[in-house]
C-alpha atoms as a PDB file:
ATOM      1  CA  MET A   1      -5.837  15.847   6.196  1.00  0.00           C
ATOM      2  CA  PRO A   2      -7.801  13.841   3.993  1.00  0.00           C
ATOM      3  CA  ILE A   3      -5.957  11.130   4.396  1.00  0.00           C
ATOM      4  CA  HIS A   4      -5.204   8.814   7.457  1.00  0.00           C
ATOM      5  CA  ILE A   5      -3.137   5.466   8.450  1.00  0.00           C
ATOM      6  CA  ASP A   6      -3.055   2.608  10.376  1.00  0.00           C
ATOM      7  CA  ILE A   7      -0.176   1.012  10.855  1.00  0.00           C
ATOM      8  CA  SER A   8      -1.835  -2.672  13.332  1.00  0.00           C
ATOM      9  CA  PRO A   9       2.194  -4.429  14.051  1.00  0.00           C
ATOM     10  CA  ILE A  10      -0.194  -7.367  15.195  1.00  0.00           C
ATOM     11  CA  ASN A  11      -1.504  -7.843  12.234  1.00  0.00           C
ATOM     12  CA  ARG A  12       1.206  -6.328   9.575  1.00  0.00           C
ATOM     13  CA  LEU A  13      -1.081  -4.087   7.517  1.00  0.00           C
ATOM     14  CA  VAL A  14      -1.092  -0.882   6.848  1.00  0.00           C
ATOM     15  CA  VAL A  15      -4.221   0.905   6.435  1.00  0.00           C
ATOM     16  CA  ILE A  16      -5.082   4.177   4.065  1.00  0.00           C
ATOM     17  CA  VAL A  17      -8.298   6.303   3.422  1.00  0.00           C
ATOM     18  CA  ALA A  18      -8.049   9.358   1.337  1.00  0.00           C
ATOM     19  CA  HIS A  19     -10.740  11.690   1.338  1.00  0.00           C
ATOM     20  CA  GLY A  20     -11.928  14.354  -0.430  1.00  0.00           C
ATOM     21  CA  GLN A  21      -9.159  15.956  -2.810  1.00  0.00           C
ATOM     22  CA  VAL A  22      -5.425  15.143  -2.087  1.00  0.00           C
ATOM     23  CA  THR A  23      -2.353  16.967  -3.006  1.00  0.00           C
ATOM     24  CA  PRO A  24       1.317  15.552  -3.956  1.00  0.00           C
ATOM     25  CA  GLU A  25       2.717  17.673  -0.984  1.00  0.00           C
ATOM     26  CA  GLU A  26      -0.021  14.902   1.379  1.00  0.00           C
ATOM     27  CA  ILE A  27       0.978  11.820  -0.586  1.00  0.00           C
ATOM     28  CA  ALA A  28       4.524  12.054  -0.336  1.00  0.00           C
ATOM     29  CA  ASP A  29       3.849  13.121   3.935  1.00  0.00           C
ATOM     30  CA  ILE A  30       1.804   9.776   4.073  1.00  0.00           C
ATOM     31  CA  ARG A  31       5.129   7.992   2.156  1.00  0.00           C
ATOM     32  CA  ALA A  32       7.149   9.535   4.055  1.00  0.00           C
ATOM     33  CA  GLN A  33       5.363   8.774   7.390  1.00  0.00           C
ATOM     34  CA  LEU A  34       5.518   4.472   6.148  1.00  0.00           C
ATOM     35  CA  ILE A  35       9.066   5.039   6.177  1.00  0.00           C
ATOM     36  CA  ALA A  36      10.242   6.713   9.136  1.00  0.00           C
ATOM     37  CA  ALA A  37       7.988   4.263  10.609  1.00  0.00           C
ATOM     38  CA  LYS A  38      10.099   0.889   9.306  1.00  0.00           C
ATOM     39  CA  VAL A  39       7.466  -1.594   7.531  1.00  0.00           C
ATOM     40  CA  PRO A  40       8.336  -2.211   4.180  1.00  0.00           C
ATOM     41  CA  GLY A  41       7.671  -5.930   4.690  1.00  0.00           C
ATOM     42  CA  TYR A  42       4.039  -5.075   6.205  1.00  0.00           C
ATOM     43  CA  ALA A  43       1.215  -5.624   3.600  1.00  0.00           C
ATOM     44  CA  ARG A  44      -1.005  -2.698   2.709  1.00  0.00           C
ATOM     45  CA  ILE A  45      -4.827  -1.411   1.660  1.00  0.00           C
ATOM     46  CA  ILE A  46      -5.090   2.233   0.439  1.00  0.00           C
ATOM     47  CA  ASP A  47      -8.919   3.437  -0.134  1.00  0.00           C
ATOM     48  CA  THR A  48      -8.926   5.995  -2.996  1.00  0.00           C
ATOM     49  CA  THR A  49     -12.917   5.625  -3.736  1.00  0.00           C
ATOM     50  CA  ALA A  50     -13.773   8.787  -2.182  1.00  0.00           C
ATOM     51  CA  SER A  51     -10.968  10.971  -3.612  1.00  0.00           C
ATOM     52  CA  SER A  52      -9.181  12.361  -6.306  1.00  0.00           C
ATOM     53  CA  SER A  53      -5.786  14.111  -7.125  1.00  0.00           C
ATOM     54  CA  THR A  54      -4.076  16.160 -10.354  1.00  0.00           C
ATOM     55  CA  VAL A  55      -1.001  14.216  -9.635  1.00  0.00           C
ATOM     56  CA  THR A  56       1.101  14.309 -11.780  1.00  0.00           C
ATOM     57  CA  ARG A  57       2.453  11.003 -13.815  1.00  0.00           C
ATOM     58  CA  GLU A  58       5.580  12.872 -12.790  1.00  0.00           C
ATOM     59  CA  GLN A  59       4.877  13.493  -9.587  1.00  0.00           C
ATOM     60  CA  VAL A  60       3.747   9.503  -8.805  1.00  0.00           C
ATOM     61  CA  GLU A  61       7.177   8.659 -10.034  1.00  0.00           C
ATOM     62  CA  LYS A  62       9.389  10.414  -7.513  1.00  0.00           C
ATOM     63  CA  ILE A  63       6.104   8.989  -4.872  1.00  0.00           C
ATOM     64  CA  ALA A  64       7.685   6.218  -5.655  1.00  0.00           C
ATOM     65  CA  ALA A  65      12.205   6.427  -5.797  1.00  0.00           C
ATOM     66  CA  MET A  66      11.396   8.437  -2.063  1.00  0.00           C
ATOM     67  CA  ARG A  67      13.345   5.183  -0.210  1.00  0.00           C
ATOM     68  CA  GLY A  68      14.842   4.740   3.379  1.00  0.00           C
ATOM     69  CA  ARG A  69      17.824   3.572   3.763  1.00  0.00           C
ATOM     70  CA  ALA A  70      16.310   0.795   5.977  1.00  0.00           C
ATOM     71  CA  ASP A  71      14.584  -0.079   3.360  1.00  0.00           C
ATOM     72  CA  GLU A  72      17.056  -1.578   0.825  1.00  0.00           C
ATOM     73  CA  GLY A  73      17.424  -5.419   0.718  1.00  0.00           C
ATOM     74  CA  VAL A  74      13.267  -6.094   2.645  1.00  0.00           C
ATOM     75  CA  LYS A  75      10.935  -7.648   1.051  1.00  0.00           C
ATOM     76  CA  ARG A  76       8.274  -5.477   0.272  1.00  0.00           C
ATOM     77  CA  GLY A  77       4.680  -6.168   1.910  1.00  0.00           C
ATOM     78  CA  ALA A  78       1.229  -6.315  -1.135  1.00  0.00           C
ATOM     79  CA  VAL A  79      -0.605  -3.039  -1.803  1.00  0.00           C
ATOM     80  CA  ALA A  80      -4.523  -3.682  -2.623  1.00  0.00           C
ATOM     81  CA  PHE A  81      -5.878   0.077  -3.871  1.00  0.00           C
ATOM     82  CA  VAL A  82      -9.573  -0.224  -4.002  1.00  0.00           C
ATOM     83  CA  VAL A  83     -10.553   2.709  -6.592  1.00  0.00           C
ATOM     84  CA  ASP A  84     -13.526   3.545  -8.276  1.00  0.00           C
ATOM     85  CA  PRO A  85     -13.199   2.161 -12.367  1.00  0.00           C
ATOM     86  CA  HIS A  86     -14.295   5.779 -13.300  1.00  0.00           C
ATOM     87  CA  LYS A  87     -11.785   8.296 -11.609  1.00  0.00           C
ATOM     88  CA  PRO A  88      -8.492   6.752 -12.348  1.00  0.00           C
ATOM     89  CA  GLY A  89      -5.244   8.419 -11.407  1.00  0.00           C
ATOM     90  CA  PHE A  90      -2.801   7.778  -8.624  1.00  0.00           C
ATOM     91  CA  ALA A  91      -3.413   4.352  -7.757  1.00  0.00           C
ATOM     92  CA  GLU A  92      -3.180   3.129 -11.387  1.00  0.00           C
ATOM     93  CA  ALA A  93      -0.108   4.737 -12.157  1.00  0.00           C
ATOM     94  CA  PHE A  94       1.314   4.334  -8.570  1.00  0.00           C
ATOM     95  CA  ALA A  95       0.629   0.158  -9.800  1.00  0.00           C
ATOM     96  CA  GLU A  96       2.318   0.152 -13.510  1.00  0.00           C
ATOM     97  CA  ILE A  97       5.229   2.281 -12.253  1.00  0.00           C
ATOM     98  CA  THR A  98       5.909  -0.336  -9.011  1.00  0.00           C
ATOM     99  CA  LYS A  99       5.294  -3.345 -10.773  1.00  0.00           C
ATOM    100  CA  GLY A 100       8.433  -5.980 -10.589  1.00  0.00           C
ATOM    101  CA  GLU A 101       8.446  -4.059  -6.825  1.00  0.00           C
ATOM    102  CA  ARG A 102       6.138  -5.834  -4.754  1.00  0.00           C
ATOM    103  CA  PRO A 103       2.518  -8.030  -6.041  1.00  0.00           C
ATOM    104  CA  ILE A 104       0.389  -4.590  -5.976  1.00  0.00           C
ATOM    105  CA  GLN A 105      -3.113  -5.310  -7.380  1.00  0.00           C
ATOM    106  CA  LEU A 106      -6.296  -2.640  -7.902  1.00  0.00           C
ATOM    107  CA  PHE A 107      -9.467  -3.323  -6.659  1.00  0.00           C
ATOM    108  CA  THR A 108     -13.043  -2.084  -6.761  1.00  0.00           C
ATOM    109  CA  SER A 109     -14.345  -3.719  -3.464  1.00  0.00           C
ATOM    110  CA  LEU A 110     -12.768  -3.402   0.371  1.00  0.00           C
ATOM    111  CA  HIS A 111     -13.809  -7.052   0.805  1.00  0.00           C
ATOM    112  CA  ALA A 112     -11.892  -8.323  -2.311  1.00  0.00           C
ATOM    113  CA  ALA A 113      -8.676  -6.771  -2.142  1.00  0.00           C
ATOM    114  CA  ARG A 114      -8.618  -8.105   2.161  1.00  0.00           C
ATOM    115  CA  ARG A 115      -9.680 -11.372   0.726  1.00  0.00           C
ATOM    116  CA  TRP A 116      -6.462 -11.419  -2.004  1.00  0.00           C
ATOM    117  CA  LEU A 117      -4.269 -10.129   1.271  1.00  0.00           C
ATOM    118  CA  ILE A 118      -5.620 -13.039   3.753  1.00  0.00           C
ATOM    119  CA  ASP A 119      -5.891 -15.852   0.900  1.00  0.00           C
ATOM    120  CA  GLY A 120      -2.005 -15.342   0.649  1.00  0.00           C
ATOM    121  CA  GLY A 121      -2.158 -14.383  -3.497  1.00  0.00           C
ATOM    122  CA  ALA A 122      -0.305 -10.738  -2.931  1.00  0.00           C
ATOM    123  CA  HIS A 123       1.902 -12.629   0.123  1.00  0.00           C
ATOM    124  CA  GLY A 124       4.844 -14.446  -1.932  1.00  0.00           C
ATOM    125  CA  GLY A 125       7.098 -14.753   0.987  1.00  0.00           C
ATOM    126  CA  ALA A 126       5.874 -10.881   3.140  1.00  0.00           C
ATOM    127  CA  SER A 127       3.294 -11.369   5.420  1.00  0.00           C
ATOM    128  CA  VAL A 128      -0.062 -12.057   5.173  1.00  0.00           C
ATOM    129  CA  PRO A 129      -2.428 -10.043   7.410  1.00  0.00           C
ATOM    130  CA  GLY A 130      -4.123 -11.069  10.215  1.00  0.00           C
ATOM    131  CA  SER A 131      -2.196 -14.667   9.986  1.00  0.00           C
ATOM    132  CA  ALA A 132       0.382 -16.778  12.118  1.00  0.00           C
ATOM    133  CA  ILE A 133       2.686 -16.462   8.911  1.00  0.00           C
ATOM    134  CA  HIS A 134       5.759 -14.527   8.853  1.00  0.00           C
ATOM    135  CA  ASN A 135       8.308 -14.767   5.263  1.00  0.00           C
ATOM    136  CA  GLY A 136       6.403 -18.188   5.392  1.00  0.00           C
ATOM    137  CA  ILE A 137       7.824 -19.456   8.608  1.00  0.00           C
ATOM    138  CA  ARG A 138       4.661 -19.961  11.317  1.00  0.00           C
ATOM    139  CA  VAL A 139       5.642 -18.054  14.788  1.00  0.00           C
ATOM    140  CA  TRP A 140       2.621 -18.383  16.464  1.00  0.00           C
ATOM    141  CA  SER A 141      -0.251 -21.772  16.391  1.00  0.00           C
END
């Protein structure tokens, strides 16, 4: 599978890296894995720079609409997509379709994406990855 996923509970962070040609079914499978892992509040870094996909807007809408019942009413974590600006596709469509559901931003570097999450520009009450803050409350010092 050209998509690798790493879930870090201690950092409340999901990192997804896609390589090569990615199918809509593989994207839907990753979404299903995230639902099963029960990590809706975790921040996400999704690196699509080394991948391509022929996913249609309708397919992106179907993938975005997948929700687990346990996720209903849970504040969703921020999403930082790392994209190649010369290859628009899934990330741009997903960001447009889901805007307003959670903080979501497109970046051209992994460093900038990580910095956005850490600096709190994305947290809006969700967890800040790698910090002692959860939903705005210091949970350890």
